[in-house]
Amino acid sequence: MSTSLLYHRFGIVGYRYVRQSFALGVTTFRIEQPRERLRCSQCGSEAVWAQGGVERFFRALPIGNQPTFLEFKVPRVLCFACGKVRQVKVAFADPKKHYTRSFER
């Protein structure tokens, strides 16, 4: 499995595929954001330091008739440019949503 499935099936760019699991008729893909792609969500600066994160699950397009979820640890970063500690923006989902933009469409 490669990151091309993330792009071609779900429209997700800039994230790395880690693993997948199948349990109780549900497919779950674990993804991560590469360190070099982390940016401050306040000012957009690249000068950030990772400070942990929060596990989130996003509903994605089903594969066949199986529900599909994305498991993602949203990084929290300390920005050296603006001094804020914030979570990075999730590019494939709107803020405060638990589903991807492709699933919403």
Protein backbone atom coordinates (compact mmCIF):
# COMPACT_ATOMS: atom_id res chain seq x y z
CA MET A 1 0.00 0.00 0.00
CA SER A 2 1.26 3.47 -0.74
CA THR A 3 0.26 7.08 -0.36
CA SER A 4 -1.14 7.02 -3.90
CA LEU A 5 -4.33 5.44 -2.49
CA LEU A 6 -4.73 8.47 -0.23
CA TYR A 7 -4.49 10.77 -3.23
CA HIS A 8 -6.47 8.83 -5.83
CA ARG A 9 -9.24 7.53 -3.57
CA PHE A 10 -9.63 10.26 -0.95
CA GLY A 11 -7.94 13.33 -2.51
CA ILE A 12 -5.46 13.65 0.39
CA VAL A 13 -2.12 15.27 -0.48
CA GLY A 14 0.91 15.82 1.78
CA TYR A 15 0.32 13.00 4.26
CA ARG A 16 2.08 9.67 4.63
CA TYR A 17 0.31 6.30 4.77
CA VAL A 18 1.39 4.31 7.86
CA ARG A 19 -0.87 1.25 8.10
CA GLN A 20 -4.39 -0.07 7.68
CA SER A 21 -6.63 -2.25 9.80
CA PHE A 22 -9.80 -4.19 9.19
CA ALA A 23 -12.09 -4.85 12.14
CA LEU A 24 -15.81 -5.54 12.38
CA GLY A 25 -16.48 -4.52 8.78
CA VAL A 26 -14.66 -1.18 9.11
CA THR A 27 -11.49 -0.17 7.26
CA THR A 28 -9.19 2.26 9.09
CA PHE A 29 -6.16 3.94 7.53
CA ARG A 30 -3.50 5.43 9.80
CA ILE A 31 -1.82 8.51 8.29
CA GLU A 32 0.75 11.02 9.51
CA GLN A 33 2.01 14.42 8.44
CA PRO A 34 5.75 14.56 7.63
CA ARG A 35 7.75 16.87 9.92
CA GLU A 36 8.95 18.99 6.99
CA ARG A 37 5.33 19.88 6.08
CA LEU A 38 4.35 21.24 9.52
CA ARG A 39 3.32 24.92 9.49
CA CYS A 40 1.90 27.30 12.09
CA SER A 41 -1.85 27.62 11.65
CA GLN A 42 -1.72 31.23 12.88
CA CYS A 43 0.99 32.77 10.70
CA GLY A 44 2.02 29.97 8.30
CA SER A 45 5.66 29.92 9.43
CA GLU A 46 7.86 26.85 8.91
CA ALA A 47 9.82 27.66 12.09
CA VAL A 48 7.88 25.35 14.40
CA TRP A 49 8.63 22.72 17.00
CA ALA A 50 6.33 19.74 17.53
CA GLN A 51 4.68 19.66 20.97
CA GLY A 52 2.64 16.44 20.90
CA GLY A 53 -0.79 16.15 19.36
CA VAL A 54 -4.36 14.90 19.54
CA GLU A 55 -5.70 11.65 18.04
CA ARG A 56 -8.63 12.22 15.68
CA PHE A 57 -10.75 9.95 13.50
CA PHE A 58 -12.27 11.22 10.26
CA ARG A 59 -15.03 9.54 8.27
CA ALA A 60 -13.94 9.03 4.65
CA LEU A 61 -15.50 7.71 1.48
CA PRO A 62 -16.54 4.06 1.81
CA ILE A 63 -14.68 1.36 -0.06
CA GLY A 64 -17.36 -0.89 -1.51
CA ASN A 65 -20.00 -1.05 1.19
CA GLN A 66 -17.51 -0.90 4.07
CA PRO A 67 -17.26 2.31 6.10
CA THR A 68 -13.80 3.85 6.02
CA PHE A 69 -12.06 6.03 8.60
CA LEU A 70 -8.78 7.96 8.70
CA GLU A 71 -6.86 7.86 11.98
CA PHE A 72 -4.59 10.89 12.36
CA LYS A 73 -2.63 12.42 15.23
CA VAL A 74 -3.08 16.17 14.63
CA PRO A 75 0.27 17.73 15.63
CA ARG A 76 0.44 20.62 18.06
CA VAL A 77 3.32 23.00 17.34
CA LEU A 78 5.13 25.87 19.02
CA CYS A 79 5.77 28.64 16.49
CA PHE A 80 9.03 30.56 16.89
CA ALA A 81 7.77 33.38 14.64
CA CYS A 82 4.56 34.32 16.48
CA GLY A 83 5.05 32.47 19.80
CA LYS A 84 1.72 30.61 19.64
CA VAL A 85 1.13 26.94 20.51
CA ARG A 86 -1.55 25.63 18.16
CA GLN A 87 -2.69 22.56 16.29
CA VAL A 88 -1.76 22.51 12.61
CA LYS A 89 -4.54 22.86 10.04
CA VAL A 90 -5.96 19.62 8.69
CA ALA A 91 -5.87 20.07 4.92
CA PHE A 92 -8.44 17.40 4.06
CA ALA A 93 -11.21 18.40 6.51
CA ASP A 94 -12.87 21.60 7.63
CA PRO A 95 -12.29 22.81 11.21
CA LYS A 96 -14.36 21.04 13.90
CA LYS A 97 -15.61 18.41 11.42
CA HIS A 98 -15.21 14.66 11.86
CA TYR A 99 -15.40 13.82 8.18
CA THR A 100 -13.33 14.59 5.10
CA ARG A 101 -14.32 17.12 2.44
CA SER A 102 -14.69 14.31 -0.11
CA PHE A 103 -17.13 12.52 2.20
CA GLU A 104 -19.08 15.76 2.64
CA ARG A 105 -19.47 16.17 -1.14
